Amino acid sequence: MIQPVSSFKENLQNLPSIDGIERLEMVDAAGDVVASIENQPGKQGSLAVYQYLFATYGVLNAEAATHGLAVFAEHTEDARNRPGAHPNIDRLFEIQGGGASLTMRLIGQ
């Protein structure tokens, strides 16, 4: 597990590569895919964080969400100030605040 610093760019350098991943899917308790993060420009940082949380925690629960918010660093405060601007961070806030845990699965290319 990494020790996040206050720079998202620096944290990203310590995360595993997302090469070979097409997308990450998040699945609710009913087995429905409720969200996904594609491997495309603008979403690759979020994909890297969520893949890391999956590898580290195996599930997206309150503990994983709290750690993920630390990894997002300065973007977390921006998301707090601008709800909706960072949906992948908003999801972590929701789970951290008592929302239902999600399972995750990686889809390869």
C-alpha atoms as a PDB file:
ATOM      1  CA  MET A   1       0.000   0.000   0.000  1.00  0.00           C
ATOM      2  CA  ILE A   2       1.341   3.408  -0.916  1.00  0.00           C
ATOM      3  CA  GLN A   3       1.561   6.328   1.489  1.00  0.00           C
ATOM      4  CA  PRO A   4      -0.205   9.105  -0.425  1.00  0.00           C
ATOM      5  CA  VAL A   5       1.381  12.534  -0.608  1.00  0.00           C
ATOM      6  CA  SER A   6      -0.338  15.843  -1.383  1.00  0.00           C
ATOM      7  CA  SER A   7       0.335  15.618  -5.135  1.00  0.00           C
ATOM      8  CA  PHE A   8      -1.885  13.473  -7.343  1.00  0.00           C
ATOM      9  CA  LYS A   9       0.816  13.401 -10.031  1.00  0.00           C
ATOM     10  CA  GLU A  10       3.333  11.981  -7.539  1.00  0.00           C
ATOM     11  CA  ASN A  11       0.825   9.438  -6.236  1.00  0.00           C
ATOM     12  CA  LEU A  12       0.114   8.260  -9.793  1.00  0.00           C
ATOM     13  CA  GLN A  13       3.800   7.479 -10.272  1.00  0.00           C
ATOM     14  CA  ASN A  14       3.540   4.926  -7.441  1.00  0.00           C
ATOM     15  CA  LEU A  15       0.494   3.109  -8.813  1.00  0.00           C
ATOM     16  CA  PRO A  16       0.544   0.002 -11.025  1.00  0.00           C
ATOM     17  CA  SER A  17       0.363   0.392 -14.777  1.00  0.00           C
ATOM     18  CA  ILE A  18      -3.043   0.306 -16.458  1.00  0.00           C
ATOM     19  CA  ASP A  19      -1.605  -1.099 -19.689  1.00  0.00           C
ATOM     20  CA  GLY A  20      -3.795  -3.907 -20.987  1.00  0.00           C
ATOM     21  CA  ILE A  21      -6.901  -2.733 -19.148  1.00  0.00           C
ATOM     22  CA  GLU A  22      -9.882  -1.701 -21.259  1.00  0.00           C
ATOM     23  CA  ARG A  23     -12.064  -0.634 -18.338  1.00  0.00           C
ATOM     24  CA  LEU A  24     -12.911  -1.225 -14.706  1.00  0.00           C
ATOM     25  CA  GLU A  25     -16.509  -2.010 -13.818  1.00  0.00           C
ATOM     26  CA  MET A  26     -18.178  -1.434 -10.460  1.00  0.00           C
ATOM     27  CA  VAL A  27     -20.899  -3.869  -9.473  1.00  0.00           C
ATOM     28  CA  ASP A  28     -23.567  -3.497  -6.787  1.00  0.00           C
ATOM     29  CA  ALA A  29     -24.879  -6.189  -4.444  1.00  0.00           C
ATOM     30  CA  ALA A  30     -27.527  -7.213  -7.007  1.00  0.00           C
ATOM     31  CA  GLY A  31     -24.810  -7.931  -9.575  1.00  0.00           C
ATOM     32  CA  ASP A  32     -25.595  -4.932 -11.762  1.00  0.00           C
ATOM     33  CA  VAL A  33     -22.825  -2.819 -13.291  1.00  0.00           C
ATOM     34  CA  VAL A  34     -23.488   0.630 -11.831  1.00  0.00           C
ATOM     35  CA  ALA A  35     -20.415   2.443 -13.170  1.00  0.00           C
ATOM     36  CA  SER A  36     -17.313   1.919 -15.248  1.00  0.00           C
ATOM     37  CA  ILE A  37     -14.089   3.776 -15.945  1.00  0.00           C
ATOM     38  CA  GLU A  38     -12.707   3.450 -19.463  1.00  0.00           C
ATOM     39  CA  ASN A  39      -9.012   3.503 -20.332  1.00  0.00           C
ATOM     40  CA  GLN A  40      -9.090   6.741 -22.295  1.00  0.00           C
ATOM     41  CA  PRO A  41      -7.536  10.192 -21.921  1.00  0.00           C
ATOM     42  CA  GLY A  42      -9.074  12.147 -19.079  1.00  0.00           C
ATOM     43  CA  LYS A  43     -10.029   9.005 -17.183  1.00  0.00           C
ATOM     44  CA  GLN A  44      -6.722   7.166 -16.931  1.00  0.00           C
ATOM     45  CA  GLY A  45      -5.799   8.693 -13.571  1.00  0.00           C
ATOM     46  CA  SER A  46      -9.094   7.549 -12.073  1.00  0.00           C
ATOM     47  CA  LEU A  47      -8.674   4.128 -13.663  1.00  0.00           C
ATOM     48  CA  ALA A  48      -5.220   3.809 -12.103  1.00  0.00           C
ATOM     49  CA  VAL A  49      -6.543   4.765  -8.646  1.00  0.00           C
ATOM     50  CA  TYR A  50      -9.526   2.428  -8.802  1.00  0.00           C
ATOM     51  CA  GLN A  51      -7.386  -0.446 -10.128  1.00  0.00           C
ATOM     52  CA  TYR A  52      -4.996   0.134  -7.220  1.00  0.00           C
ATOM     53  CA  LEU A  53      -7.887   0.157  -4.725  1.00  0.00           C
ATOM     54  CA  PHE A  54      -9.185  -3.083  -6.242  1.00  0.00           C
ATOM     55  CA  ALA A  55      -5.766  -4.727  -5.957  1.00  0.00           C
ATOM     56  CA  THR A  56      -5.278  -3.450  -2.400  1.00  0.00           C
ATOM     57  CA  TYR A  57      -8.741  -3.884  -0.871  1.00  0.00           C
ATOM     58  CA  GLY A  58     -10.601  -6.225  -3.228  1.00  0.00           C
ATOM     59  CA  VAL A  59     -13.784  -4.193  -2.702  1.00  0.00           C
ATOM     60  CA  LEU A  60     -14.749  -0.549  -2.761  1.00  0.00           C
ATOM     61  CA  ASN A  61     -15.811  -0.012   0.849  1.00  0.00           C
ATOM     62  CA  ALA A  62     -15.484   2.935   3.268  1.00  0.00           C
ATOM     63  CA  GLU A  63     -11.862   2.106   4.113  1.00  0.00           C
ATOM     64  CA  ALA A  64     -10.876   1.848   0.442  1.00  0.00           C
ATOM     65  CA  ALA A  65     -12.790   5.055  -0.367  1.00  0.00           C
ATOM     66  CA  THR A  66     -10.987   6.976   2.377  1.00  0.00           C
ATOM     67  CA  HIS A  67      -7.607   5.822   1.079  1.00  0.00           C
ATOM     68  CA  GLY A  68      -8.647   6.616  -2.498  1.00  0.00           C
ATOM     69  CA  LEU A  69      -9.559  10.165  -1.510  1.00  0.00           C
ATOM     70  CA  ALA A  70      -6.055  10.585  -0.066  1.00  0.00           C
ATOM     71  CA  VAL A  71      -4.541   9.263  -3.314  1.00  0.00           C
ATOM     72  CA  PHE A  72      -6.550  11.767  -5.385  1.00  0.00           C
ATOM     73  CA  ALA A  73      -4.804  14.449  -3.271  1.00  0.00           C
ATOM     74  CA  GLU A  74      -5.568  17.999  -4.408  1.00  0.00           C
ATOM     75  CA  HIS A  75      -8.384  16.787  -6.677  1.00  0.00           C
ATOM     76  CA  THR A  76     -10.309  15.626  -3.608  1.00  0.00           C
ATOM     77  CA  GLU A  77     -10.653  19.189  -2.287  1.00  0.00           C
ATOM     78  CA  ASP A  78     -11.645  20.425  -5.757  1.00  0.00           C
ATOM     79  CA  ALA A  79     -14.329  17.712  -5.935  1.00  0.00           C
ATOM     80  CA  ARG A  80     -15.605  18.672  -2.479  1.00  0.00           C
ATOM     81  CA  ASN A  81     -15.951  22.284  -3.643  1.00  0.00           C
ATOM     82  CA  ARG A  82     -17.454  21.417  -7.035  1.00  0.00           C
ATOM     83  CA  PRO A  83     -19.841  18.427  -6.696  1.00  0.00           C
ATOM     84  CA  GLY A  84     -20.323  16.701 -10.032  1.00  0.00           C
ATOM     85  CA  ALA A  85     -17.041  17.907 -11.514  1.00  0.00           C
ATOM     86  CA  HIS A  86     -15.222  14.705 -10.531  1.00  0.00           C
ATOM     87  CA  PRO A  87     -17.761  11.837 -10.538  1.00  0.00           C
ATOM     88  CA  ASN A  88     -15.176   9.179  -9.673  1.00  0.00           C
ATOM     89  CA  ILE A  89     -14.180  11.127  -6.568  1.00  0.00           C
ATOM     90  CA  ASP A  90     -17.833  11.876  -5.755  1.00  0.00           C
ATOM     91  CA  ARG A  91     -18.441   8.114  -5.705  1.00  0.00           C
ATOM     92  CA  LEU A  92     -15.705   7.714  -3.077  1.00  0.00           C
ATOM     93  CA  PHE A  93     -17.303  10.456  -0.941  1.00  0.00           C
ATOM     94  CA  GLU A  94     -20.641   8.630  -1.176  1.00  0.00           C
ATOM     95  CA  ILE A  95     -19.177   5.276  -0.116  1.00  0.00           C
ATOM     96  CA  GLN A  96     -17.068   6.860   2.616  1.00  0.00           C
ATOM     97  CA  GLY A  97     -20.218   8.504   3.942  1.00  0.00           C
ATOM     98  CA  GLY A  98     -22.072   5.213   4.335  1.00  0.00           C
ATOM     99  CA  GLY A  99     -23.077   4.344   0.777  1.00  0.00           C
ATOM    100  CA  ALA A 100     -23.172   0.719  -0.298  1.00  0.00           C
ATOM    101  CA  SER A 101     -19.881  -1.011  -1.049  1.00  0.00           C
ATOM    102  CA  LEU A 102     -19.187  -2.050  -4.628  1.00  0.00           C
ATOM    103  CA  THR A 103     -17.235  -4.929  -6.047  1.00  0.00           C
ATOM    104  CA  MET A 104     -14.977  -4.277  -8.999  1.00  0.00           C
ATOM    105  CA  ARG A 105     -13.753  -6.194 -12.010  1.00  0.00           C
ATOM    106  CA  LEU A 106     -11.145  -5.438 -14.619  1.00  0.00           C
ATOM    107  CA  ILE A 107     -11.894  -5.947 -18.308  1.00  0.00           C
ATOM    108  CA  GLY A 108      -8.802  -6.524 -20.472  1.00  0.00           C
ATOM    109  CA  GLN A 109      -8.235  -5.323 -24.003  1.00  0.00           C
END
